[in-house]
Amino acid sequence: MNEEFVILGEDLAKTYRMGEVQVHALNGVSVRIARGEVVAIVGPSGSGKSTLMNILGCLDRPSRGAYYLDGELVSKMRDDQLARTRNRKVGFVFQSFNLLPRASALSNVELPMRYAGIQKGRKERAKQALEIVGLGARIHHRPAELSGGQQQRVAIARALVNNPAILMADEPTGALDSKSGKEIMDLLLDLNRERKMTLILVTHDPAVAARAQRTIHIRDGQVEEV
């Protein structure tokens, strides 16, 4: 395993069965992403982009191939092992924010630590993460009391709080206006530079992809161009 790469996937394939029909969502994809790199994964709907994201983010396993995340072979892990690795190694930011509507910003950011069984210093770490994203004065606000851009900042703080090896952002600006979207991209890139955190952007937006250091194009379950 080459320690230069935080993500190393070799010959990744994913096949789904729909009745008697087999659907090849990924077909022999190999991908290497260096530590601290900013990479955009792009492709049309049905290209296999989301399937690749799910495998790289430890939400799913490949049907074939080997996947190493931060030096660990995760493609053969059991579901419980995969869930623990995902919680430790991957921070997710989604288009729809995925915040608990009745919980404060602070409680939302605490969630990954709750799942990890962390007790000591949990509120302090969550508060620090919110301060990093510029929401130190909004820690007790619920999502409905925050703008879309502020909700996405809460989601980013939640993704950061366990100090993951990679930050995976799935259409992070898709639900935002252009000004808020630019601010969120600026924040993500600042975090990449300051914390040396690998950033993977899954996007349809050419303006978002253009801000990555490298673009991986997926079409018909294969890498078209890297």
Protein backbone atom coordinates (compact mmCIF):
# COMPACT_ATOMS: atom_id res chain seq x y z
CA MET A 1 0.00 0.00 0.00
CA ASN A 2 1.44 3.37 -1.04
CA GLU A 3 1.11 5.78 1.89
CA GLU A 4 1.11 8.75 -0.52
CA PHE A 5 -2.49 7.93 -1.41
CA VAL A 6 -5.33 8.33 1.04
CA ILE A 7 -7.61 6.62 -1.50
CA LEU A 8 -6.49 3.71 -3.63
CA GLY A 9 -9.07 1.74 -5.58
CA GLU A 10 -8.08 -0.96 -8.06
CA ASP A 11 -10.45 -2.49 -10.64
CA LEU A 12 -13.59 -1.51 -8.72
CA ALA A 13 -16.82 -2.95 -10.03
CA LYS A 14 -20.37 -2.85 -8.70
CA THR A 15 -23.19 -4.98 -10.04
CA TYR A 16 -26.80 -4.73 -8.94
CA ARG A 17 -29.47 -7.31 -9.69
CA MET A 18 -32.89 -6.00 -10.71
CA GLY A 19 -35.08 -9.04 -11.11
CA GLU A 20 -33.28 -11.22 -13.62
CA VAL A 21 -31.30 -8.31 -15.04
CA GLN A 22 -27.80 -7.42 -13.89
CA VAL A 23 -26.91 -3.72 -13.89
CA HIS A 24 -23.20 -2.90 -14.04
CA ALA A 25 -23.04 0.45 -12.24
CA LEU A 26 -19.22 0.40 -12.14
CA ASN A 27 -17.06 -1.64 -14.45
CA GLY A 28 -13.36 -1.80 -13.60
CA VAL A 29 -12.66 1.66 -12.19
CA SER A 30 -9.24 2.41 -10.72
CA VAL A 31 -8.70 5.63 -8.82
CA ARG A 32 -5.87 7.09 -6.75
CA ILE A 33 -6.24 10.26 -4.71
CA ALA A 34 -3.28 11.75 -2.85
CA ARG A 35 -3.38 13.10 0.67
CA GLY A 36 -4.51 16.71 0.69
CA GLU A 37 -5.68 16.66 -2.93
CA VAL A 38 -8.87 18.37 -4.17
CA VAL A 39 -10.63 16.14 -6.71
CA ALA A 40 -13.95 16.56 -8.51
CA ILE A 41 -15.92 13.51 -9.67
CA VAL A 42 -18.26 14.43 -12.51
CA GLY A 43 -20.51 12.60 -14.91
CA PRO A 44 -24.07 12.50 -16.23
CA SER A 45 -26.95 10.91 -14.33
CA GLY A 46 -26.61 7.13 -14.41
CA SER A 47 -22.88 7.28 -15.10
CA GLY A 48 -21.84 5.48 -11.91
CA LYS A 49 -20.74 8.67 -10.16
CA SER A 50 -22.93 8.15 -7.09
CA THR A 51 -21.97 4.46 -6.90
CA LEU A 52 -18.29 5.40 -6.89
CA MET A 53 -18.95 8.03 -4.21
CA ASN A 54 -20.74 5.45 -2.05
CA ILE A 55 -17.81 3.04 -2.30
CA LEU A 56 -15.16 5.69 -1.65
CA GLY A 57 -17.20 6.98 1.31
CA CYS A 58 -17.60 3.47 2.78
CA LEU A 59 -21.38 3.55 2.34
CA ASP A 60 -21.13 0.45 0.13
CA ARG A 61 -18.64 -2.22 -0.92
CA PRO A 62 -17.54 -3.10 -4.45
CA SER A 63 -18.62 -6.38 -6.04
CA ARG A 64 -15.06 -6.75 -7.29
CA GLY A 65 -11.74 -5.03 -6.73
CA ALA A 66 -9.72 -3.73 -3.80
CA TYR A 67 -10.26 -0.43 -2.00
CA TYR A 68 -7.82 1.00 0.52
CA LEU A 69 -8.80 4.05 2.60
CA ASP A 70 -6.04 5.72 4.60
CA GLY A 71 -4.02 2.51 4.47
CA GLU A 72 -6.84 0.14 5.45
CA LEU A 73 -8.32 -2.48 3.12
CA VAL A 74 -12.00 -1.63 3.51
CA SER A 75 -13.49 -3.47 0.51
CA LYS A 76 -13.68 -6.75 2.46
CA MET A 77 -14.90 -5.35 5.79
CA ARG A 78 -18.10 -6.47 7.50
CA ASP A 79 -20.94 -3.94 7.77
CA ASP A 80 -20.12 -3.03 11.39
CA GLN A 81 -16.43 -2.56 10.59
CA LEU A 82 -17.28 -0.46 7.55
CA ALA A 83 -19.60 1.76 9.63
CA ARG A 84 -16.88 2.37 12.24
CA THR A 85 -14.31 3.18 9.57
CA ARG A 86 -16.74 5.54 7.83
CA ASN A 87 -17.41 7.38 11.08
CA ARG A 88 -13.69 7.80 11.80
CA LYS A 89 -12.30 8.42 8.33
CA VAL A 90 -14.96 10.20 6.25
CA GLY A 91 -16.84 13.46 6.72
CA PHE A 92 -19.90 13.95 4.50
CA VAL A 93 -21.50 17.16 3.25
CA PHE A 94 -24.72 16.76 1.26
CA GLN A 95 -26.77 19.05 -0.97
CA SER A 96 -29.79 18.83 1.35
CA PHE A 97 -27.74 19.45 4.56
CA ASN A 98 -29.34 16.43 6.36
CA LEU A 99 -29.64 18.24 9.69
CA LEU A 100 -31.99 17.17 12.48
CA PRO A 101 -34.69 19.89 12.37
CA ARG A 102 -35.47 19.94 16.11
CA ALA A 103 -31.84 19.90 17.25
CA SER A 104 -29.58 22.91 17.73
CA ALA A 105 -26.53 23.48 15.57
CA LEU A 106 -24.40 22.29 18.51
CA SER A 107 -26.39 19.05 18.89
CA ASN A 108 -26.24 18.37 15.15
CA VAL A 109 -22.46 18.73 15.15
CA GLU A 110 -22.16 16.41 18.17
CA LEU A 111 -23.83 13.52 16.32
CA PRO A 112 -20.71 11.87 14.79
CA MET A 113 -19.07 11.87 18.21
CA ARG A 114 -22.15 10.26 19.76
CA TYR A 115 -21.99 7.50 17.14
CA ALA A 116 -18.28 7.06 17.86
CA GLY A 117 -18.96 6.69 21.59
CA ILE A 118 -17.01 9.84 22.47
CA GLN A 119 -18.12 11.35 25.79
CA LYS A 120 -15.36 13.59 27.07
CA GLY A 121 -15.12 17.09 25.59
CA ARG A 122 -17.88 16.52 23.08
CA LYS A 123 -19.63 19.90 23.42
CA GLU A 124 -16.31 21.75 23.39
CA ARG A 125 -15.22 20.03 20.18
CA ALA A 126 -18.58 20.72 18.54
CA LYS A 127 -18.42 24.37 19.55
CA GLN A 128 -14.88 24.68 18.19
CA ALA A 129 -15.97 23.16 14.86
CA LEU A 130 -18.81 25.67 14.59
CA GLU A 131 -16.40 28.51 15.32
CA ILE A 132 -14.10 27.26 12.55
CA VAL A 133 -16.95 27.60 10.03
CA GLY A 134 -17.95 31.04 11.32
CA LEU A 135 -21.01 30.07 13.36
CA GLY A 136 -19.75 30.55 16.89
CA ALA A 137 -22.65 32.91 17.61
CA ARG A 138 -25.29 30.51 16.26
CA ILE A 139 -24.59 27.34 18.22
CA HIS A 140 -28.04 27.20 19.85
CA HIS A 141 -30.04 27.98 16.70
CA ARG A 142 -32.11 25.25 15.03
CA PRO A 143 -31.90 24.70 11.26
CA ALA A 144 -35.16 26.61 10.58
CA GLU A 145 -33.58 29.66 12.23
CA LEU A 146 -30.58 29.57 9.87
CA SER A 147 -30.14 30.48 6.20
CA GLY A 148 -29.28 27.81 3.65
CA GLY A 149 -25.64 28.85 3.67
CA GLN A 150 -25.54 28.72 7.47
CA GLN A 151 -27.14 25.27 7.49
CA GLN A 152 -24.46 24.04 5.10
CA ARG A 153 -21.82 25.47 7.44
CA VAL A 154 -23.34 23.43 10.27
CA ALA A 155 -23.14 20.37 8.03
CA ILE A 156 -19.47 21.12 7.30
CA ALA A 157 -18.74 21.52 11.02
CA ARG A 158 -20.42 18.15 11.64
CA ALA A 159 -18.26 16.60 8.90
CA LEU A 160 -15.08 18.02 10.46
CA VAL A 161 -15.65 17.19 14.10
CA ASN A 162 -14.06 13.70 14.06
CA ASN A 163 -11.00 14.94 12.10
CA PRO A 164 -11.60 12.63 9.12
CA ALA A 165 -8.99 11.68 6.54
CA ILE A 166 -11.28 12.84 3.72
CA LEU A 167 -14.12 15.30 3.34
CA MET A 168 -16.66 14.19 0.72
CA ALA A 169 -19.03 16.87 -0.57
CA ASP A 170 -21.96 15.71 -2.72
CA GLU A 171 -23.33 18.70 -4.68
CA PRO A 172 -22.44 20.98 -1.74
CA THR A 173 -23.71 24.16 -3.45
CA GLY A 174 -26.69 22.64 -5.26
CA ALA A 175 -29.34 24.04 -2.87
CA LEU A 176 -27.72 27.48 -2.48
CA ASP A 177 -27.80 30.77 -4.35
CA SER A 178 -24.64 31.74 -6.23
CA LYS A 179 -23.27 34.02 -3.47
CA SER A 180 -23.79 31.45 -0.71
CA GLY A 181 -22.46 28.71 -2.99
CA LYS A 182 -19.23 30.61 -3.61
CA GLU A 183 -18.82 31.22 0.12
CA ILE A 184 -19.25 27.50 0.84
CA MET A 185 -16.70 26.56 -1.82
CA ASP A 186 -14.28 29.14 -0.42
CA LEU A 187 -14.73 27.61 3.04
CA LEU A 188 -14.17 24.05 1.81
CA LEU A 189 -11.00 25.03 -0.05
CA ASP A 190 -9.74 27.00 2.95
CA LEU A 191 -10.22 23.91 5.13
CA ASN A 192 -8.34 21.82 2.58
CA ARG A 193 -5.40 24.22 2.64
CA GLU A 194 -5.32 24.82 6.38
CA ARG A 195 -5.98 21.27 7.60
CA LYS A 196 -4.40 19.34 4.68
CA MET A 197 -7.68 17.44 4.41
CA THR A 198 -8.41 15.55 1.20
CA LEU A 199 -11.50 17.04 -0.46
CA ILE A 200 -13.67 15.09 -2.92
CA LEU A 201 -16.37 17.05 -4.74
CA VAL A 202 -19.15 15.10 -6.47
CA THR A 203 -20.86 17.58 -8.75
CA HIS A 204 -22.77 18.40 -11.92
CA ASP A 205 -21.68 22.05 -11.68
CA PRO A 206 -18.77 22.98 -14.01
CA ALA A 207 -17.99 26.01 -11.82
CA VAL A 208 -17.50 23.77 -8.77
CA ALA A 209 -15.47 21.20 -10.72
CA ALA A 210 -13.25 23.98 -12.10
CA ARG A 211 -12.04 24.79 -8.57
CA ALA A 212 -10.67 21.28 -8.03
CA GLN A 213 -7.05 20.41 -8.71
CA ARG A 214 -8.08 17.41 -10.79
CA THR A 215 -11.28 16.04 -12.33
CA ILE A 216 -12.33 12.40 -12.68
CA HIS A 217 -14.95 11.91 -15.42
CA ILE A 218 -17.24 8.89 -15.12
CA ARG A 219 -19.38 7.62 -17.98
CA ASP A 220 -21.16 4.27 -18.32
CA GLY A 221 -19.46 2.92 -15.20
CA GLN A 222 -15.92 3.66 -16.35
CA VAL A 223 -13.36 6.40 -15.92
CA GLU A 224 -13.46 8.41 -19.14
CA GLU A 225 -10.66 10.81 -18.32
CA VAL A 226 -8.53 11.70 -15.29
